Structure formats: C-alpha cells, structure tokens
Amino acid sequence: MNHKKAFKILVLVVSILSIYKIADYYVTHKIDSYLKAEQLNYDAISINLLFGNITLKNVSIVKDSLHFKTEKLKIEGVSYYQYIKNKSIYILDLKTINSKITGKISKKDNSGKKQKDTLKGESLALKIKHIEFKNLKVDIKKNDNFPLTAKSIYIKINNFELDTDNNKSIPFLYSNIETSIIDFETQYSKVQKVKFSKLIFEKDNLSLDSLEIVPLKSREKYIYHVSEEKELMTLLSEKVVISDIKISEKEKFSFTANHILFEEVFFNLYLDGTVLEHPDKRKDLYSKSLRELPFNIDIKKVEIKKAKIVYEEYTIKENKPGILNFDNLNAQISNINNNNVRENNVTTAKIQSNFMKSSPLDIEWTFDINNKNDNFRISGSLFNVTSQNMSSFLLPTMNAKMDGYIDRMYFDFEGNDFTSNGKLNLDFKNFNIKILDKKKSKKTVLSWLANLFIKDSSKNGIVKVKTENVERDKTKSFWNFFWLNVEKGLQNSLI
C-alpha cells in the first residue's frame, strides 16, 4: 500500500470519527436539552449513538406531587429507522435500578385530560420490547391522605405499547407482565389497614403470602372514628392463590380467573352496638351487588380451606360481647360472574364448618345474578347444639340463657329481596329459657312466663314447621335475613 492510499484511508477514518463525534455531541446536547425541558434531573448522561443506548445516573423527576428517583436508568436499542420512517419511538430495553417513589398522589384533574386530548394528535407512538424495574421502593400518600408503602417491587413487561385512548383505564398494551412485591402496606380507612409480606404475579397466576386486614384502633375506641355503626375487621390468610387471570378492556373492563384459593384463614368481626344507631342505608343482597359492579367479573371457583370465623357483638353495656364461632370452615363457591348474556348464572356455595367448635354445620346456598328479584335458596343441617354454645351468644346480647340441647336441625329457605318462605325440622330435648337481669340472677316471673308459652310437646321430640312471608330488613345483611328465618322457625316450633 502506497503512502497516498494510506493517507486517504486515514483521512476517511478521521472524517468518519469526526462526523460521529459531532453527531454524538449534537444528539447528546439535543437529548440533554429535551430531558431537562421535561424536568428530568440527573448527574450524568452517557450515549452510545451507534447502538442507540442511553444511560442516566442518579435520575430524579417530579410529576405533580410525586417524586421519582433512581440510581441508574438504561435505555438500549433505540431504533432510528422506526423514528425516521414511521415517526415512532421503538426501544429494545428500558431498565431502572434501585428506584424510589415518594410524595402524594394528586386527585385527577379534568383539565389535564382535556390537555391530553389536544396533544393526542401530536404525540409519537411508543413501543418498548422489554421493561424492567429492579428494587423499586414506594412510600407515598394516596389522595385520601392515607399512606401506601412497599419495601421492594420488581416489574417486568414485554412488548409494551403506549395506548393513548383516554376511555381506557389501562393506558398501555402488553404481551406479558411479571411482578413481585415485598412488604406491602396501605391504610384504607381511619380504623383499618391491609398488608401482605409477598406478592408474586407471573404467567397469569398470582400468589399472596400473609395477607392481613388489621385494626388501627382498639375495640373500645374504634366506634368513635366511624361515621355509622359498622364492624371492626381482622382478616389473616396465610396463602392466597389466583390462577389463570385474564384482564381485558374492550367495551368494559373485565376480570376473569379460573380458581381462587384462601388457605389458613382467620376472620373476626367485632360490632359495638352501644354507641351509634344502626344505619338506615340499604344493604343489597350478593346477587345484586355482583350484578351492578362497574366491571365484568367471571370466577369459575373459589375455595376456602381451614378457616375460622368469629363474630362478636357488644350490645348491652357492662356485659361481655356475645360470641359465635365457626371452626374448621371449608367452602367451595362456583360461578361468580355478572355476565348477563350467559344462560346459566347460578352461583353455588357449599360450606362445611363446626359451629361453636362441636356442632357440625353444612350449608348449600344458590342465587341467580340475572334474576332482578334476587331469588335465592339456602338449605342445610346443624347437629348437637348445646345450651352452653347458644348461651355464650344469648346471655351477653339478650340477657337470656337456654337450657337443653338440639340434637339436629334441618332447614330449607327460599326467598328474594323482599320475603322468604321455608321449612325447619327440629329434634331437641329439655328446652328451657331463663331471662336474667343485669346481675345475671334469674328473673323468676319472666322466665316462668317465657316457658309457659313453650309447647310442652316441644320440650322433647321432633317438630316440623313452616315459615311464611318473613320480611327482609333491607338495612341489614343477607345473613341477618337468614337468621330471621331460623328465628321464625324456632318461634313457630316452640310457642
């Protein structure tokens, strides 16, 4: 190779490098100016123009009242071809490492939506092949001023595509999402918060470890922090698994799942009924509540395994709360959906439990979501109910005590949003009622009158009765309506 040819090659290489350096400087300056105009702050920027890579260190951005920080933001594989030909932004990989979100979520502003509408025609299409957020921490306040925290979040999204349709609640499309969350906690009222130790979502399956809903106020004080009479809740579930989740948004947001499992559950409800009046607000039956959800839901089966439910009601001052226990509860609920096109919308729940630890209880309950009268049927059996079991609830709440026991009880009630009818079969022995004063001593005259109205033949033996036109109190729950039917059957059999 002669010197002239070598010189030309050298000049060409130097020219290419110079052009590259000039272009690199120009692009870096342009990107730097653009990012700063978008109020994105960072300590250093590194750009590889050849491969379309951008790396930012110690990035921070403030959006409304939220503050986002990350140690490193990496953008790789920016396609110049897509930008030049299709006026779209295509990125191969976007990654953040050790990020944190703090601040407060602001309330939605309609003016912002209008502004977005006006810019919609000017915005560029955005597609990202892979998105990955590693070790994202969250410590924010929601727009209700209650806190929300998460110790560590991992998110991976494939085939992300920004969707500028304002009518959709999910503003992007994707082919797959995987995420894990460690130590999540948020408050949702003045007296309750929810938390879990770990969440994993991958391949359309979600699992939760140590899900908890816990009180923030004591039993003595919580009632003074609520606007109306309501229960204080405690829920603990060692494991929650949701299988085959599908989320779509065509005409309406839709959630479907093949199977939901709650395992090792403790559920406690405590009601202080001594301070506030019972609210006169309507409580819908479950069928109507599902039917009127603002989104579509379709869950093939829900299972509850190894659960314990405790209901406590404090209604008479100076007395202890009345207690109802349901131990070793297992339930299978099928066909939870509000699809008004489907022919079969009958939801079926089968429940097995030990009432007050020693009394086997079986329930089968069905209702049709599409039925506007909210028709339902509930049937089952209860065995070996002792006076001690019943008195633990009757004594504190009604100053009444029951002697004797029920060998077996069969019930079958059908009803709707207005009334119900049914059958109750009882086999009990040595039945007696004692009405007590506040000091728990027997009021002899009242007890004598109470037992005077109990049929002598009913104190021992089998009784079959019917209940008719039991009216529902629409300010109370379905389970209160169910108890009214049992109570009416007991009255018809005893008095």
Protein backbone atom coordinates (compact mmCIF):
# COMPACT_ATOMS: atom_id res chain seq x y z
CA MET A 1 0.00 0.00 0.00
CA ASN A 2 1.47 3.33 -1.03
CA HIS A 3 1.57 6.35 1.21
CA LYS A 4 -1.06 8.22 -0.80
CA LYS A 5 -3.64 5.47 -0.43
CA ALA A 6 -2.87 5.08 3.29
CA PHE A 7 -3.29 8.80 3.75
CA LYS A 8 -6.70 8.72 2.05
CA ILE A 9 -7.84 5.87 4.34
CA LEU A 10 -6.59 7.78 7.37
CA VAL A 11 -8.43 10.91 6.26
CA LEU A 12 -11.61 8.84 5.74
CA VAL A 13 -11.36 7.25 9.19
CA VAL A 14 -10.69 10.59 10.85
CA SER A 15 -13.59 12.12 8.93
CA ILE A 16 -15.96 9.34 9.99
CA LEU A 17 -14.83 9.63 13.61
CA SER A 18 -15.16 13.39 13.48
CA ILE A 19 -18.65 13.18 11.98
CA TYR A 20 -19.56 10.56 14.60
CA LYS A 21 -18.21 12.74 17.40
CA ILE A 22 -20.03 15.79 16.08
CA ALA A 23 -23.25 13.80 15.69
CA ASP A 24 -22.74 12.26 19.12
CA TYR A 25 -22.25 15.70 20.66
CA TYR A 26 -25.23 17.10 18.76
CA VAL A 27 -27.54 14.23 19.75
CA THR A 28 -26.30 14.27 23.36
CA HIS A 29 -26.92 18.01 23.54
CA LYS A 30 -30.38 17.65 21.98
CA ILE A 31 -31.38 14.79 24.30
CA ASP A 32 -29.90 16.59 27.30
CA SER A 33 -31.87 19.76 26.48
CA TYR A 34 -35.06 17.79 25.87
CA LEU A 35 -34.81 15.83 29.14
CA LYS A 36 -34.11 18.96 31.16
CA ALA A 37 -37.05 20.69 29.48
CA GLU A 38 -39.15 17.75 30.68
CA GLN A 39 -37.84 18.48 34.23
CA LEU A 40 -35.78 15.29 34.31
CA ASN A 41 -32.73 15.83 36.52
CA TYR A 42 -29.63 13.60 36.60
CA ASP A 43 -25.96 13.73 37.49
CA ALA A 44 -24.50 12.22 34.30
CA ILE A 45 -25.59 11.10 30.84
CA SER A 46 -23.83 8.61 28.57
CA ILE A 47 -24.91 7.99 24.97
CA ASN A 48 -23.75 5.35 22.50
CA LEU A 49 -25.04 6.71 19.21
CA LEU A 50 -24.02 3.62 17.21
CA PHE A 51 -26.11 1.17 19.22
CA GLY A 52 -28.78 3.62 20.33
CA ASN A 53 -28.00 3.33 24.05
CA ILE A 54 -28.59 5.99 26.72
CA THR A 55 -27.54 5.70 30.39
CA LEU A 56 -28.52 8.22 33.08
CA LYS A 57 -27.18 8.21 36.64
CA ASN A 58 -28.92 9.47 39.79
CA VAL A 59 -32.10 10.43 37.97
CA SER A 60 -34.95 12.32 39.60
CA ILE A 61 -38.22 13.68 38.26
CA VAL A 62 -41.16 15.41 39.94
CA LYS A 63 -44.63 14.86 38.46
CA ASP A 64 -47.36 16.79 40.25
CA SER A 65 -46.71 15.83 43.90
CA LEU A 66 -44.86 12.58 43.18
CA HIS A 67 -41.07 12.34 43.26
CA PHE A 68 -39.28 9.53 41.37
CA LYS A 69 -35.59 8.75 41.95
CA THR A 70 -33.36 6.02 40.52
CA GLU A 71 -29.66 5.24 40.71
CA LYS A 72 -29.50 4.22 37.06
CA LEU A 73 -31.79 4.47 34.04
CA LYS A 74 -30.69 2.46 30.98
CA ILE A 75 -32.28 2.77 27.55
CA GLU A 76 -30.91 0.38 24.93
CA GLY A 77 -31.59 -0.26 21.27
CA VAL A 78 -33.32 2.95 20.19
CA SER A 79 -34.37 2.45 16.54
CA TYR A 80 -33.52 5.37 14.27
CA TYR A 81 -35.19 3.58 11.37
CA GLN A 82 -38.60 3.49 13.11
CA TYR A 83 -38.31 7.14 14.05
CA ILE A 84 -37.35 8.28 10.53
CA LYS A 85 -39.82 6.06 8.63
CA ASN A 86 -42.84 5.75 10.98
CA LYS A 87 -42.37 8.73 13.31
CA SER A 88 -42.48 6.32 16.23
CA ILE A 89 -40.15 5.59 19.12
CA TYR A 90 -39.04 1.98 19.38
CA ILE A 91 -36.79 0.87 22.26
CA LEU A 92 -35.38 -2.60 22.80
CA ASP A 93 -34.79 -2.40 26.58
CA LEU A 94 -35.60 0.04 29.38
CA LYS A 95 -34.25 -0.69 32.87
CA THR A 96 -34.12 1.08 36.23
CA ILE A 97 -32.09 0.00 39.24
CA ASN A 98 -32.69 0.92 42.92
CA SER A 99 -35.56 3.36 42.44
CA LYS A 100 -37.90 5.09 44.90
CA ILE A 101 -41.25 6.86 44.60
CA THR A 102 -42.25 9.32 47.31
CA GLY A 103 -44.80 12.12 47.71
CA LYS A 104 -48.56 12.17 47.25
CA ILE A 105 -50.96 11.05 44.56
CA SER A 106 -52.95 14.07 43.43
CA LYS A 107 -56.62 13.96 42.64
CA LYS A 108 -57.49 13.62 38.98
CA ASP A 109 -57.86 16.90 37.16
CA ASN A 110 -60.28 17.10 34.22
CA SER A 111 -58.27 19.95 32.72
CA GLY A 112 -55.31 17.57 32.42
CA LYS A 113 -57.44 15.20 30.43
CA LYS A 114 -58.50 17.96 28.08
CA GLN A 115 -54.89 18.92 27.57
CA LYS A 116 -54.02 15.31 26.81
CA ASP A 117 -56.83 15.22 24.27
CA THR A 118 -55.46 18.24 22.45
CA LEU A 119 -51.96 16.77 22.32
CA LYS A 120 -53.13 13.34 21.30
CA GLY A 121 -52.65 14.02 17.60
CA GLU A 122 -49.13 15.32 18.15
CA SER A 123 -47.83 12.51 20.35
CA LEU A 124 -45.46 9.87 19.00
CA ALA A 125 -46.20 6.16 19.17
CA LEU A 126 -44.06 4.45 21.81
CA LYS A 127 -43.10 0.77 21.82
CA ILE A 128 -40.66 -0.92 24.19
CA LYS A 129 -39.70 -4.57 23.76
CA HIS A 130 -38.64 -5.16 27.38
CA ILE A 131 -39.16 -3.03 30.51
CA GLU A 132 -37.58 -3.95 33.83
CA PHE A 133 -37.76 -2.17 37.20
CA LYS A 134 -35.45 -3.63 39.87
CA ASN A 135 -35.79 -2.91 43.59
CA LEU A 136 -38.37 -0.15 43.38
CA LYS A 137 -39.38 1.26 46.79
CA VAL A 138 -42.66 3.11 47.35
CA ASP A 139 -43.51 5.47 50.21
CA ILE A 140 -46.39 7.73 49.25
CA LYS A 141 -49.69 9.16 50.43
CA LYS A 142 -52.81 8.45 48.41
CA ASN A 143 -55.29 11.17 47.54
CA ASP A 144 -57.22 10.27 50.70
CA ASN A 145 -54.06 11.12 52.71
CA PHE A 146 -53.61 7.51 53.83
CA PRO A 147 -50.11 6.02 53.43
CA LEU A 148 -49.03 3.31 50.97
CA THR A 149 -45.61 1.64 51.24
CA ALA A 150 -43.72 -1.23 49.63
CA LYS A 151 -40.22 -2.32 50.58
CA SER A 152 -39.25 -3.71 47.18
CA ILE A 153 -41.03 -4.08 43.83
CA TYR A 154 -39.83 -5.91 40.73
CA ILE A 155 -41.68 -5.40 37.42
CA LYS A 156 -41.01 -6.89 34.02
CA ILE A 157 -43.17 -6.02 30.98
CA ASN A 158 -42.82 -7.48 27.48
CA ASN A 159 -43.97 -5.76 24.28
CA PHE A 160 -45.13 -2.56 25.92
CA GLU A 161 -47.10 -0.20 23.70
CA LEU A 162 -48.50 3.13 24.82
CA ASP A 163 -52.25 3.36 24.25
CA THR A 164 -53.49 6.96 24.02
CA ASP A 165 -57.19 6.04 24.16
CA ASN A 166 -58.47 8.13 27.09
CA ASN A 167 -61.52 5.90 27.55
CA LYS A 168 -59.38 3.02 28.81
CA SER A 169 -58.35 2.65 32.44
CA ILE A 170 -55.17 0.75 31.43
CA PRO A 171 -53.19 3.23 29.26
CA PHE A 172 -50.94 0.65 27.59
CA LEU A 173 -50.90 -2.71 25.84
CA TYR A 174 -48.56 -5.61 26.63
CA SER A 175 -48.00 -9.30 25.93
CA ASN A 176 -46.83 -10.33 29.41
CA ILE A 177 -46.28 -8.87 32.89
CA GLU A 178 -44.33 -10.35 35.78
CA THR A 179 -44.04 -8.69 39.17
CA SER A 180 -43.13 -9.31 42.78
CA ILE A 181 -43.82 -7.07 45.78
CA ILE A 182 -42.22 -7.40 49.22
CA ASP A 183 -43.80 -5.99 52.42
CA PHE A 184 -46.74 -4.01 51.03
CA GLU A 185 -48.91 -1.97 53.40
CA THR A 186 -51.65 0.64 53.00
CA GLN A 187 -54.33 2.24 55.12
CA TYR A 188 -57.81 2.44 53.59
CA SER A 189 -59.85 3.98 56.44
CA LYS A 190 -59.31 5.64 59.79
CA VAL A 191 -59.65 2.29 61.56
CA GLN A 192 -58.28 -0.36 59.11
CA LYS A 193 -55.21 -1.15 57.03
CA VAL A 194 -54.24 -4.00 54.70
CA LYS A 195 -50.81 -5.56 54.20
CA PHE A 196 -49.04 -8.64 52.87
CA SER A 197 -45.48 -9.96 53.10
CA LYS A 198 -45.06 -11.08 49.48
CA LEU A 199 -46.87 -10.98 46.14
CA ILE A 200 -45.77 -12.82 43.02
CA PHE A 201 -47.52 -12.48 39.65
CA GLU A 202 -46.24 -14.49 36.69
CA LYS A 203 -47.73 -16.47 33.82
CA ASP A 204 -51.26 -15.23 34.65
CA ASN A 205 -51.04 -16.60 38.22
CA LEU A 206 -50.90 -14.56 41.42
CA SER A 207 -49.92 -15.66 44.92
CA LEU A 208 -50.05 -13.70 48.18
CA ASP A 209 -48.29 -14.63 51.42
CA SER A 210 -49.57 -13.47 54.81
CA LEU A 211 -52.46 -11.28 53.68
CA GLU A 212 -53.78 -9.23 56.62
CA ILE A 213 -56.54 -6.71 57.27
CA VAL A 214 -55.95 -5.35 60.77
CA PRO A 215 -57.49 -2.70 63.06
CA LEU A 216 -55.72 0.59 63.76
CA LYS A 217 -57.94 1.45 66.71
CA SER A 218 -58.87 -0.51 69.83
CA ARG A 219 -62.27 -2.13 70.27
CA GLU A 220 -63.13 0.48 72.89
CA LYS A 221 -62.29 3.46 70.65
CA TYR A 222 -62.87 2.44 67.01
CA ILE A 223 -66.60 3.25 67.05
CA TYR A 224 -65.79 6.93 67.67
CA HIS A 225 -63.79 7.10 64.41
CA VAL A 226 -66.52 5.83 62.04
CA SER A 227 -69.49 7.73 60.68
CA GLU A 228 -72.01 4.92 61.20
CA GLU A 229 -72.35 1.64 63.06
CA LYS A 230 -70.08 -0.96 61.46
CA GLU A 231 -67.90 -3.92 62.37
CA LEU A 232 -64.19 -3.80 63.16
CA MET A 233 -62.49 -6.39 60.96
CA THR A 234 -59.49 -8.66 61.38
CA LEU A 235 -58.53 -10.97 58.50
CA LEU A 236 -55.46 -13.19 58.29
CA SER A 237 -54.81 -15.55 55.39
CA GLU A 238 -51.54 -17.47 55.18
CA LYS A 239 -51.88 -18.02 51.44
CA VAL A 240 -53.99 -16.62 48.60
CA VAL A 241 -53.57 -18.08 45.10
CA ILE A 242 -55.40 -16.82 41.99
CA SER A 243 -54.99 -18.95 38.84
CA ASP A 244 -55.38 -18.18 35.13
CA ILE A 245 -56.04 -14.46 35.44
CA LYS A 246 -57.20 -12.65 32.33
CA ILE A 247 -57.72 -8.89 32.15
CA SER A 248 -59.23 -7.24 29.11
CA GLU A 249 -60.82 -3.94 28.20
CA LYS A 250 -62.95 -3.99 25.09
CA GLU A 251 -66.31 -2.41 25.79
CA LYS A 252 -65.80 -2.67 29.57
CA PHE A 253 -63.03 -3.62 31.98
CA SER A 254 -63.18 -7.39 32.59
CA PHE A 255 -61.52 -9.66 35.15
CA THR A 256 -61.63 -13.44 34.88
CA ALA A 257 -59.94 -16.19 36.89
CA ASN A 258 -60.21 -19.95 36.86
CA HIS A 259 -59.61 -20.55 40.57
CA ILE A 260 -59.07 -18.56 43.80
CA LEU A 261 -57.79 -20.25 46.96
CA PHE A 262 -57.77 -18.84 50.51
CA GLU A 263 -55.82 -21.07 52.89
CA GLU A 264 -55.38 -20.97 56.69
CA VAL A 265 -57.84 -18.09 57.25
CA PHE A 266 -58.83 -16.32 60.46
CA PHE A 267 -61.70 -13.82 60.12
CA ASN A 268 -63.02 -11.82 63.07
CA LEU A 269 -65.85 -9.28 63.07
CA TYR A 270 -66.49 -7.18 66.18
CA LEU A 271 -69.53 -4.91 66.42
CA ASP A 272 -70.03 -2.28 69.11
CA GLY A 273 -73.78 -1.64 69.01
CA THR A 274 -73.95 0.51 72.16
CA VAL A 275 -72.88 3.90 70.74
CA LEU A 276 -74.29 4.61 67.27
CA GLU A 277 -77.68 3.86 65.82
CA HIS A 278 -77.92 1.18 63.15
CA PRO A 279 -77.68 2.92 59.74
CA ASP A 280 -80.81 3.05 57.62
CA LYS A 281 -78.75 2.71 54.44
CA ARG A 282 -79.84 -0.14 52.16
CA LYS A 283 -77.70 -3.31 52.01
CA ASP A 284 -78.08 -5.19 48.74
CA LEU A 285 -78.09 -8.97 48.52
CA TYR A 286 -74.98 -10.52 46.97
CA SER A 287 -76.65 -11.18 43.62
CA LYS A 288 -77.50 -7.51 43.13
CA SER A 289 -74.09 -6.34 44.33
CA LEU A 290 -72.40 -8.58 41.72
CA ARG A 291 -74.87 -7.63 39.01
CA GLU A 292 -74.21 -3.90 39.47
CA LEU A 293 -70.41 -3.99 39.64
CA PRO A 294 -68.87 -1.31 37.37
CA PHE A 295 -66.77 -4.02 35.67
CA ASN A 296 -67.27 -7.57 34.38
CA ILE A 297 -66.19 -10.44 36.62
CA ASP A 298 -66.05 -14.17 35.92
CA ILE A 299 -64.51 -16.50 38.51
CA LYS A 300 -65.01 -20.21 37.95
CA LYS A 301 -64.34 -21.38 41.50
CA VAL A 302 -63.37 -20.01 44.92
CA GLU A 303 -62.11 -22.32 47.69
CA ILE A 304 -61.65 -21.51 51.37
CA LYS A 305 -59.65 -24.07 53.36
CA LYS A 306 -59.04 -24.36 57.10
CA ALA A 307 -60.78 -21.15 58.10
CA LYS A 308 -62.06 -19.86 61.42
CA ILE A 309 -64.74 -17.17 61.63
CA VAL A 310 -65.57 -15.37 64.89
CA TYR A 311 -68.46 -12.90 65.15
CA GLU A 312 -68.67 -10.79 68.30
CA GLU A 313 -71.49 -8.40 69.15
CA TYR A 314 -71.41 -5.95 72.06
CA THR A 315 -74.98 -4.72 72.58
CA ILE A 316 -75.50 -4.37 76.37
CA LYS A 317 -73.12 -2.22 78.38
CA GLU A 318 -71.38 -3.96 81.29
CA ASN A 319 -71.94 -7.32 79.60
CA LYS A 320 -69.29 -9.18 77.64
CA PRO A 321 -69.68 -9.43 73.85
CA GLY A 322 -71.77 -12.30 72.53
CA ILE A 323 -69.65 -14.73 70.52
CA LEU A 324 -70.41 -17.02 67.58
CA ASN A 325 -67.60 -19.33 66.40
CA PHE A 326 -67.32 -21.24 63.13
CA ASP A 327 -64.26 -23.50 63.33
CA ASN A 328 -62.59 -25.66 60.68
CA LEU A 329 -64.61 -23.96 57.95
CA ASN A 330 -64.24 -25.09 54.34
CA ALA A 331 -66.16 -23.60 51.44
CA GLN A 332 -66.48 -24.14 47.68
CA ILE A 333 -68.10 -21.35 45.66
CA SER A 334 -68.62 -21.78 41.92
CA ASN A 335 -69.64 -19.48 39.06
CA ILE A 336 -69.16 -15.97 40.43
CA ASN A 337 -69.93 -13.77 37.44
CA ASN A 338 -72.12 -10.92 36.22
CA ASN A 339 -72.31 -11.86 32.55
CA ASN A 340 -75.92 -11.09 31.65
CA VAL A 341 -75.56 -12.87 28.29
CA ARG A 342 -74.73 -16.27 29.76
CA GLU A 343 -77.71 -18.60 30.22
CA ASN A 344 -76.50 -20.19 33.47
CA ASN A 345 -75.64 -17.51 36.01
CA VAL A 346 -76.44 -19.54 39.12
CA THR A 347 -73.81 -19.14 41.83
CA THR A 348 -73.49 -22.08 44.24
CA ALA A 349 -71.78 -22.03 47.64
CA LYS A 350 -71.23 -25.15 49.74
CA ILE A 351 -69.99 -24.57 53.30
CA GLN A 352 -68.90 -27.08 55.97
CA SER A 353 -67.97 -26.00 59.48
CA ASN A 354 -68.11 -26.76 63.21
CA PHE A 355 -70.45 -24.28 64.88
CA MET A 356 -69.19 -23.32 68.36
CA LYS A 357 -66.42 -25.94 67.99
CA SER A 358 -68.59 -29.05 68.46
CA SER A 359 -71.71 -28.69 66.26
CA PRO A 360 -71.34 -29.85 62.61
CA LEU A 361 -72.90 -27.35 60.20
CA ASP A 362 -73.49 -27.85 56.45
CA ILE A 363 -74.92 -25.19 54.15
CA GLU A 364 -75.75 -25.11 50.43
CA TRP A 365 -76.68 -21.70 49.06
CA THR A 366 -77.60 -20.72 45.50
CA PHE A 367 -78.63 -17.47 43.81
CA ASP A 368 -79.08 -16.24 40.24
CA ILE A 369 -77.31 -12.97 39.43
CA ASN A 370 -79.55 -12.28 36.42
CA ASN A 371 -82.75 -12.55 38.47
CA LYS A 372 -83.88 -8.98 39.23
CA ASN A 373 -85.88 -10.16 42.27
CA ASP A 374 -82.63 -11.63 43.67
CA ASN A 375 -84.08 -15.09 44.25
CA PHE A 376 -82.01 -17.39 46.47
CA ARG A 377 -82.24 -20.74 48.23
CA ILE A 378 -80.30 -21.78 51.33
CA SER A 379 -80.54 -25.19 52.97
CA GLY A 380 -78.53 -27.33 55.34
CA SER A 381 -78.23 -29.07 58.68
CA LEU A 382 -76.91 -28.45 62.19
CA PHE A 383 -76.23 -31.12 64.83
CA ASN A 384 -75.53 -31.31 68.57
CA VAL A 385 -76.16 -27.72 69.67
CA THR A 386 -75.71 -27.49 73.43
CA SER A 387 -77.16 -24.93 75.83
CA GLN A 388 -73.64 -23.73 76.64
CA ASN A 389 -72.96 -22.97 72.96
CA MET A 390 -76.14 -20.93 72.49
CA SER A 391 -75.93 -19.15 75.84
CA SER A 392 -72.48 -17.76 75.01
CA PHE A 393 -74.23 -15.52 72.48
CA LEU A 394 -77.72 -15.11 74.04
CA LEU A 395 -76.52 -14.28 77.56
CA PRO A 396 -74.36 -11.21 76.75
CA THR A 397 -76.59 -9.83 73.96
CA MET A 398 -80.12 -10.54 75.27
CA ASN A 399 -79.66 -11.36 78.98
CA ALA A 400 -81.21 -14.74 78.21
CA LYS A 401 -79.98 -18.27 78.83
CA MET A 402 -81.03 -21.56 77.23
CA ASP A 403 -81.09 -24.96 78.89
CA GLY A 404 -81.29 -28.21 76.96
CA TYR A 405 -79.90 -29.02 73.54
CA ILE A 406 -80.78 -29.52 69.89
CA ASP A 407 -79.93 -32.98 68.56
CA ARG A 408 -80.42 -31.98 64.95
CA MET A 409 -81.91 -29.21 62.85
CA TYR A 410 -82.66 -29.22 59.11
CA PHE A 411 -83.56 -26.01 57.27
CA ASP A 412 -84.57 -25.11 53.72
CA PHE A 413 -85.47 -21.49 52.90
CA GLU A 414 -86.28 -19.81 49.60
CA GLY A 415 -86.58 -16.06 49.22
CA ASN A 416 -85.81 -12.86 47.36
CA ASP A 417 -85.11 -9.21 48.13
CA PHE A 418 -88.49 -8.85 49.87
CA THR A 419 -89.68 -12.01 51.65
CA SER A 420 -88.88 -15.68 52.21
CA ASN A 421 -90.59 -18.97 52.98
CA GLY A 422 -89.24 -22.28 54.13
CA LYS A 423 -89.16 -25.34 56.37
CA LEU A 424 -87.44 -26.08 59.67
CA ASN A 425 -87.23 -29.53 61.26
CA LEU A 426 -86.03 -29.76 64.88
CA ASP A 427 -85.22 -32.55 67.31
CA PHE A 428 -84.43 -31.17 70.77
CA LYS A 429 -84.74 -32.11 74.46
CA ASN A 430 -85.30 -30.42 77.84
CA PHE A 431 -85.69 -26.99 76.35
CA ASN A 432 -85.95 -24.14 78.85
CA ILE A 433 -85.41 -20.35 78.71
CA LYS A 434 -84.11 -18.21 81.58
CA ILE A 435 -84.31 -14.42 81.39
CA LEU A 436 -81.72 -12.71 83.58
CA ASP A 437 -81.24 -9.20 84.92
CA LYS A 438 -78.00 -7.24 84.66
CA LYS A 439 -76.53 -9.06 87.66
CA LYS A 440 -77.20 -12.40 85.91
CA SER A 441 -79.72 -13.52 88.57
CA LYS A 442 -82.83 -15.27 87.29
CA LYS A 443 -85.99 -13.22 86.83
CA THR A 444 -88.33 -15.94 88.02
CA VAL A 445 -91.63 -14.44 86.84
CA LEU A 446 -90.43 -13.57 83.34
CA SER A 447 -88.74 -16.93 82.91
CA TRP A 448 -91.90 -18.67 84.05
CA LEU A 449 -93.96 -16.67 81.54
CA ALA A 450 -91.46 -17.40 78.74
CA ASN A 451 -91.61 -21.12 79.37
CA LEU A 452 -95.40 -21.00 79.74
CA PHE A 453 -95.59 -20.17 76.03
CA ILE A 454 -93.30 -23.03 75.05
CA LYS A 455 -95.32 -26.02 73.92
CA ASP A 456 -95.00 -28.91 76.34
CA SER A 457 -94.73 -31.31 73.43
CA SER A 458 -91.85 -29.27 72.03
CA LYS A 459 -89.62 -29.63 75.07
CA ASN A 460 -88.82 -33.13 73.87
CA GLY A 461 -89.21 -34.69 70.44
CA ILE A 462 -89.24 -33.84 66.72
CA VAL A 463 -91.01 -30.74 65.40
CA LYS A 464 -91.62 -29.83 61.74
CA VAL A 465 -92.68 -26.27 60.98
CA LYS A 466 -93.08 -23.93 58.01
CA THR A 467 -92.16 -20.26 57.82
CA GLU A 468 -94.14 -17.93 55.57
CA ASN A 469 -93.71 -14.33 54.44
CA VAL A 470 -90.69 -13.50 56.57
CA GLU A 471 -89.92 -9.88 55.64
CA ARG A 472 -86.38 -8.78 54.97
CA ASP A 473 -84.89 -5.76 56.75
CA LYS A 474 -83.15 -4.15 53.77
CA THR A 475 -80.78 -2.20 56.01
CA LYS A 476 -79.22 -5.48 57.19
CA SER A 477 -77.19 -8.21 55.53
CA PHE A 478 -78.20 -11.48 53.89
CA TRP A 479 -77.01 -13.38 56.98
CA ASN A 480 -79.34 -11.35 59.19
CA PHE A 481 -82.18 -12.35 56.83
CA PHE A 482 -81.13 -15.98 57.10
CA TRP A 483 -81.15 -15.76 60.91
CA LEU A 484 -84.66 -14.20 60.83
CA ASN A 485 -85.88 -17.32 59.03
CA VAL A 486 -84.28 -19.61 61.64
CA GLU A 487 -85.67 -17.45 64.44
CA LYS A 488 -89.17 -17.53 62.93
CA GLY A 489 -88.97 -21.30 62.62
CA LEU A 490 -87.92 -21.63 66.27
CA GLN A 491 -90.83 -19.42 67.35
CA ASN A 492 -93.31 -21.49 65.35
CA SER A 493 -91.97 -24.72 66.82
CA LEU A 494 -91.73 -23.61 70.45
CA ILE A 495 -94.61 -21.19 71.06
